[in-house]
Structures are given as structure tokens and as C-alpha cells.
Amino acid sequence: MKIKGKPTNVSKEYVRSWASASACVLSHHGYHVDQDTLVVSLRKIVNGNEDVHGLTYRDENKIELKKSLNSAEMSIAILHEMIHRATSPDGFGENTDEKCTSTLNSRLHGDVGAIAQILIDGTYRRAAHFAHTKISYRTDDDHYDTAEDSCEGCKDKYHV
């Protein structure tokens, strides 16, 4: 994912986290967004209109967002445009696209927000883990770290 521009009322980490969390939830249900090539463009005015919060360019794998949105508006706009992106090229059908997208946004927003918050909160801690792992564990005797065997909180409510 490439983020172009700088938001004025939220961080780039916030934008990246919401876009990643949106893609995660959508993909889990079979609606995929290619995050490797996704471009999130933050602009002063979207499509020449100050009232527009976001726009999707389906053929370019790009979403455009108004950079001055506050955190609530930004989260809604990101998820809304990611739903458009994931349901392209056909959307939800003639004369239903915005209604279906906004309704789905309202239903998914809480779950996407929970994932986004985890991503936001741990951004630099996880980055430090990656950096530390790359430089600290060089060895001639490659082996598994037994710390990975203590996974807690992994429950499957659907398996009897």
C-alpha cells in the first residue's frame, strides 16, 4: 500500500491501519483488495468538490480521501471507499451501490475499528520487533524459538 499526501487531523499510521483492517475484514468474506498495489491518495479537495469525502478509482486500485477529515469521518470514508474497491467492477447493482455500501459500512465499522485500533496501538512496537529480529538473531545453529508454543486466547467458537 502506498499512501500519497499527508492527512491534517489524523496520522498516516491511522490511515494505513484503517485501510489494512478494512481489507482484512472484506477479504475474510471473499471481497479482496490488492494491498500491494493499492494507492491511498490524501488530497485537499476530492474530485474538485469540497463536500466529497472520498472517491474510488476502480481501474487503478486507488482511493482518494479528503485529507482534512477528522478521525471519525476518516474511518468512515476509508471503509466506504474500500468496500467500493472490493466490490468492483460491478458494485451491488444498478441504483443500489451507495445504499448497500453505506449500510455495509455501518454494519462492519465496529469490527474493522477493533482491528484497526490494534494495528494503530502496536505499530511501532511491532516495527521494533521486526528490526530487532533482523539484526539480533544471526546464528550458525538455526532452531525454533520455543516461545512461539505459548499461544493464548486462540479459541474456535465454531468447532464443537
C-alpha atoms as a PDB file:
ATOM      1  CA  MET A   1       0.000   0.000   0.000  1.00  0.00           C
ATOM      2  CA  LYS A   2       1.262   3.437  -0.862  1.00  0.00           C
ATOM      3  CA  ILE A   3      -0.084   6.496   0.921  1.00  0.00           C
ATOM      4  CA  LYS A   4       0.338   9.728  -1.016  1.00  0.00           C
ATOM      5  CA  GLY A   5      -0.110  13.042   0.738  1.00  0.00           C
ATOM      6  CA  LYS A   6      -0.422  13.809   4.422  1.00  0.00           C
ATOM      7  CA  PRO A   7      -3.635  13.924   6.442  1.00  0.00           C
ATOM      8  CA  THR A   8      -4.112  17.019   8.600  1.00  0.00           C
ATOM      9  CA  ASN A   9      -6.196  15.660  11.510  1.00  0.00           C
ATOM     10  CA  VAL A  10      -5.055  12.027  11.780  1.00  0.00           C
ATOM     11  CA  SER A  11      -1.744  10.237  11.324  1.00  0.00           C
ATOM     12  CA  LYS A  12      -0.631   8.226   8.304  1.00  0.00           C
ATOM     13  CA  GLU A  13      -0.494   5.266  10.691  1.00  0.00           C
ATOM     14  CA  TYR A  14      -4.227   5.775  11.343  1.00  0.00           C
ATOM     15  CA  VAL A  15      -4.987   5.791   7.606  1.00  0.00           C
ATOM     16  CA  ARG A  16      -2.829   2.705   6.956  1.00  0.00           C
ATOM     17  CA  SER A  17      -4.373   0.827   9.895  1.00  0.00           C
ATOM     18  CA  TRP A  18      -7.951   1.547   8.812  1.00  0.00           C
ATOM     19  CA  ALA A  19      -7.201   0.600   5.190  1.00  0.00           C
ATOM     20  CA  SER A  20      -5.464  -2.628   6.277  1.00  0.00           C
ATOM     21  CA  ALA A  21      -8.217  -3.559   8.735  1.00  0.00           C
ATOM     22  CA  SER A  22     -10.865  -2.846   6.085  1.00  0.00           C
ATOM     23  CA  ALA A  23      -9.040  -5.044   3.579  1.00  0.00           C
ATOM     24  CA  CYS A  24      -8.700  -7.808   6.188  1.00  0.00           C
ATOM     25  CA  VAL A  25     -12.408  -7.955   7.027  1.00  0.00           C
ATOM     26  CA  LEU A  26     -13.509  -7.626   3.407  1.00  0.00           C
ATOM     27  CA  SER A  27     -11.067 -10.317   2.273  1.00  0.00           C
ATOM     28  CA  HIS A  28     -12.194 -12.662   5.047  1.00  0.00           C
ATOM     29  CA  HIS A  29     -15.614 -12.628   3.387  1.00  0.00           C
ATOM     30  CA  GLY A  30     -14.319 -13.041  -0.169  1.00  0.00           C
ATOM     31  CA  TYR A  31     -14.102  -9.385  -1.231  1.00  0.00           C
ATOM     32  CA  HIS A  32     -10.440  -8.773  -1.980  1.00  0.00           C
ATOM     33  CA  VAL A  33      -8.402  -5.589  -2.306  1.00  0.00           C
ATOM     34  CA  ASP A  34      -4.829  -5.912  -3.565  1.00  0.00           C
ATOM     35  CA  GLN A  35      -2.965  -4.096  -0.800  1.00  0.00           C
ATOM     36  CA  ASP A  36       0.381  -4.488  -2.577  1.00  0.00           C
ATOM     37  CA  THR A  37      -0.680  -2.109  -5.347  1.00  0.00           C
ATOM     38  CA  LEU A  38      -3.328  -0.068  -3.505  1.00  0.00           C
ATOM     39  CA  VAL A  39      -2.761   3.696  -3.580  1.00  0.00           C
ATOM     40  CA  VAL A  40      -4.415   5.844  -0.918  1.00  0.00           C
ATOM     41  CA  SER A  41      -4.244   9.469  -2.004  1.00  0.00           C
ATOM     42  CA  LEU A  42      -4.932  12.219   0.526  1.00  0.00           C
ATOM     43  CA  ARG A  43      -5.998  15.472  -1.112  1.00  0.00           C
ATOM     44  CA  LYS A  44      -7.269  18.887  -0.116  1.00  0.00           C
ATOM     45  CA  ILE A  45     -10.291  18.572  -2.403  1.00  0.00           C
ATOM     46  CA  VAL A  46     -11.569  15.291  -3.832  1.00  0.00           C
ATOM     47  CA  ASN A  47     -12.683  15.350  -7.459  1.00  0.00           C
ATOM     48  CA  GLY A  48     -12.953  19.153  -7.406  1.00  0.00           C
ATOM     49  CA  ASN A  49     -15.692  19.075  -4.761  1.00  0.00           C
ATOM     50  CA  GLU A  50     -15.155  20.201  -1.142  1.00  0.00           C
ATOM     51  CA  ASP A  51     -18.157  18.176   0.099  1.00  0.00           C
ATOM     52  CA  VAL A  52     -16.855  14.809  -1.157  1.00  0.00           C
ATOM     53  CA  HIS A  53     -15.014  12.763   1.494  1.00  0.00           C
ATOM     54  CA  GLY A  54     -13.707  10.027  -0.767  1.00  0.00           C
ATOM     55  CA  LEU A  55     -13.654   8.519  -4.211  1.00  0.00           C
ATOM     56  CA  THR A  56     -12.682   5.144  -5.653  1.00  0.00           C
ATOM     57  CA  TYR A  57     -10.781   4.663  -8.893  1.00  0.00           C
ATOM     58  CA  ARG A  58     -11.617   1.033  -9.542  1.00  0.00           C
ATOM     59  CA  ASP A  59      -9.441   0.552 -12.640  1.00  0.00           C
ATOM     60  CA  GLU A  60      -6.386   1.999 -10.886  1.00  0.00           C
ATOM     61  CA  ASN A  61      -6.712   0.251  -7.483  1.00  0.00           C
ATOM     62  CA  LYS A  62      -6.769   3.676  -5.878  1.00  0.00           C
ATOM     63  CA  ILE A  63      -8.865   5.502  -3.331  1.00  0.00           C
ATOM     64  CA  GLU A  64      -8.783   9.243  -2.795  1.00  0.00           C
ATOM     65  CA  LEU A  65      -9.655  10.801   0.556  1.00  0.00           C
ATOM     66  CA  LYS A  66     -10.120  14.351   1.773  1.00  0.00           C
ATOM     67  CA  LYS A  67      -7.061  14.966   3.932  1.00  0.00           C
ATOM     68  CA  SER A  68      -8.797  17.303   6.416  1.00  0.00           C
ATOM     69  CA  LEU A  69     -11.281  14.711   7.738  1.00  0.00           C
ATOM     70  CA  ASN A  70     -11.349  14.104  11.493  1.00  0.00           C
ATOM     71  CA  SER A  71     -10.771  10.592  12.845  1.00  0.00           C
ATOM     72  CA  ALA A  72     -14.436   9.502  12.737  1.00  0.00           C
ATOM     73  CA  GLU A  73     -15.002  10.907   9.238  1.00  0.00           C
ATOM     74  CA  MET A  74     -11.725   9.402   8.006  1.00  0.00           C
ATOM     75  CA  SER A  75     -12.550   5.924   9.313  1.00  0.00           C
ATOM     76  CA  ILE A  76     -15.984   6.022   7.679  1.00  0.00           C
ATOM     77  CA  ALA A  77     -14.552   7.308   4.381  1.00  0.00           C
ATOM     78  CA  ILE A  78     -11.762   4.711   4.281  1.00  0.00           C
ATOM     79  CA  LEU A  79     -14.084   1.766   4.930  1.00  0.00           C
ATOM     80  CA  HIS A  80     -16.675   3.160   2.492  1.00  0.00           C
ATOM     81  CA  GLU A  81     -14.136   3.501  -0.321  1.00  0.00           C
ATOM     82  CA  MET A  82     -12.549   0.126   0.478  1.00  0.00           C
ATOM     83  CA  ILE A  83     -15.984  -1.505   0.179  1.00  0.00           C
ATOM     84  CA  HIS A  84     -16.378   0.143  -3.248  1.00  0.00           C
ATOM     85  CA  ARG A  85     -12.883  -1.029  -4.159  1.00  0.00           C
ATOM     86  CA  ALA A  86     -13.532  -4.616  -3.033  1.00  0.00           C
ATOM     87  CA  THR A  87     -16.889  -4.921  -4.781  1.00  0.00           C
ATOM     88  CA  SER A  88     -15.734  -3.581  -8.132  1.00  0.00           C
ATOM     89  CA  PRO A  89     -16.230  -3.692 -11.010  1.00  0.00           C
ATOM     90  CA  ASP A  90     -19.962  -4.313 -10.600  1.00  0.00           C
ATOM     91  CA  GLY A  91     -20.691  -2.967  -7.131  1.00  0.00           C
ATOM     92  CA  PHE A  92     -24.023  -4.052  -5.707  1.00  0.00           C
ATOM     93  CA  GLY A  93     -26.103  -3.396  -8.787  1.00  0.00           C
ATOM     94  CA  GLU A  94     -27.741  -0.527 -10.581  1.00  0.00           C
ATOM     95  CA  ASN A  95     -29.163   2.181  -8.304  1.00  0.00           C
ATOM     96  CA  THR A  96     -28.138   0.297  -5.130  1.00  0.00           C
ATOM     97  CA  ASP A  97     -24.382   0.854  -4.840  1.00  0.00           C
ATOM     98  CA  GLU A  98     -24.300   3.760  -2.361  1.00  0.00           C
ATOM     99  CA  LYS A  99     -27.163   2.437  -0.218  1.00  0.00           C
ATOM    100  CA  CYS A 100     -25.611  -1.027   0.027  1.00  0.00           C
ATOM    101  CA  THR A 101     -22.099   0.358   0.606  1.00  0.00           C
ATOM    102  CA  SER A 102     -23.185   2.744   3.354  1.00  0.00           C
ATOM    103  CA  THR A 103     -25.333   0.087   5.046  1.00  0.00           C
ATOM    104  CA  LEU A 104     -22.483  -2.435   4.944  1.00  0.00           C
ATOM    105  CA  ASN A 105     -20.131   0.259   6.279  1.00  0.00           C
ATOM    106  CA  SER A 106     -22.382   0.812   9.288  1.00  0.00           C
ATOM    107  CA  ARG A 107     -22.518  -2.946   9.977  1.00  0.00           C
ATOM    108  CA  LEU A 108     -18.761  -3.577   9.604  1.00  0.00           C
ATOM    109  CA  HIS A 109     -17.423  -0.378  11.172  1.00  0.00           C
ATOM    110  CA  GLY A 110     -17.213  -1.719  14.732  1.00  0.00           C
ATOM    111  CA  ASP A 111     -15.313  -4.891  13.800  1.00  0.00           C
ATOM    112  CA  VAL A 112     -12.989  -3.079  11.420  1.00  0.00           C
ATOM    113  CA  GLY A 113     -12.418  -0.432  14.106  1.00  0.00           C
ATOM    114  CA  ALA A 114     -11.412  -3.065  16.667  1.00  0.00           C
ATOM    115  CA  ILE A 115      -8.800  -4.495  14.298  1.00  0.00           C
ATOM    116  CA  ALA A 116      -7.635  -1.027  13.225  1.00  0.00           C
ATOM    117  CA  GLN A 117      -7.132   0.008  16.848  1.00  0.00           C
ATOM    118  CA  ILE A 118      -4.886  -2.994  17.491  1.00  0.00           C
ATOM    119  CA  LEU A 119      -2.864  -2.106  14.389  1.00  0.00           C
ATOM    120  CA  ILE A 120      -2.615   1.560  15.395  1.00  0.00           C
ATOM    121  CA  ASP A 121      -1.665   0.855  19.014  1.00  0.00           C
ATOM    122  CA  GLY A 122       1.106  -1.592  18.178  1.00  0.00           C
ATOM    123  CA  THR A 123       2.573  -0.024  15.056  1.00  0.00           C
ATOM    124  CA  TYR A 124       5.973   0.968  16.427  1.00  0.00           C
ATOM    125  CA  ARG A 125       6.267  -1.912  18.921  1.00  0.00           C
ATOM    126  CA  ARG A 126       5.836  -4.405  16.052  1.00  0.00           C
ATOM    127  CA  ALA A 127       8.219  -2.411  13.851  1.00  0.00           C
ATOM    128  CA  ALA A 128      10.802  -2.686  16.635  1.00  0.00           C
ATOM    129  CA  HIS A 129      10.237  -6.467  16.818  1.00  0.00           C
ATOM    130  CA  PHE A 130      10.930  -6.770  13.084  1.00  0.00           C
ATOM    131  CA  ALA A 131      14.029  -4.579  13.292  1.00  0.00           C
ATOM    132  CA  HIS A 132      15.345  -6.383  16.372  1.00  0.00           C
ATOM    133  CA  THR A 133      14.749  -9.810  14.815  1.00  0.00           C
ATOM    134  CA  LYS A 134      16.610  -8.874  11.633  1.00  0.00           C
ATOM    135  CA  ILE A 135      19.750  -7.784  13.474  1.00  0.00           C
ATOM    136  CA  SER A 136      19.847  -9.820  16.706  1.00  0.00           C
ATOM    137  CA  TYR A 137      19.334 -13.467  15.856  1.00  0.00           C
ATOM    138  CA  ARG A 138      22.142 -14.309  13.466  1.00  0.00           C
ATOM    139  CA  THR A 139      23.417 -17.761  14.310  1.00  0.00           C
ATOM    140  CA  ASP A 140      25.141 -20.792  12.823  1.00  0.00           C
ATOM    141  CA  ASP A 141      22.650 -23.086  14.570  1.00  0.00           C
ATOM    142  CA  ASP A 142      19.174 -22.242  13.227  1.00  0.00           C
ATOM    143  CA  HIS A 143      16.426 -23.506  15.544  1.00  0.00           C
ATOM    144  CA  TYR A 144      12.847 -22.849  16.615  1.00  0.00           C
ATOM    145  CA  ASP A 145      12.166 -20.441  19.459  1.00  0.00           C
ATOM    146  CA  THR A 146      10.017 -22.343  21.950  1.00  0.00           C
ATOM    147  CA  ALA A 147       8.356 -19.057  22.989  1.00  0.00           C
ATOM    148  CA  GLU A 148       6.075 -19.462  19.948  1.00  0.00           C
ATOM    149  CA  ASP A 149       4.474 -22.512  21.594  1.00  0.00           C
ATOM    150  CA  SER A 150       2.612 -20.472  24.209  1.00  0.00           C
ATOM    151  CA  CYS A 151      -0.294 -19.110  22.181  1.00  0.00           C
ATOM    152  CA  GLU A 152      -3.069 -17.863  24.432  1.00  0.00           C
ATOM    153  CA  GLY A 153      -6.508 -16.614  23.535  1.00  0.00           C
ATOM    154  CA  CYS A 154      -6.942 -18.689  20.376  1.00  0.00           C
ATOM    155  CA  LYS A 155     -10.457 -20.101  20.667  1.00  0.00           C
ATOM    156  CA  ASP A 156     -12.659 -21.536  17.931  1.00  0.00           C
ATOM    157  CA  LYS A 157     -16.301 -20.927  18.744  1.00  0.00           C
ATOM    158  CA  TYR A 158     -17.453 -22.850  15.648  1.00  0.00           C
ATOM    159  CA  HIS A 159     -15.699 -26.161  16.316  1.00  0.00           C
ATOM    160  CA  VAL A 160     -17.539 -28.462  18.711  1.00  0.00           C
END
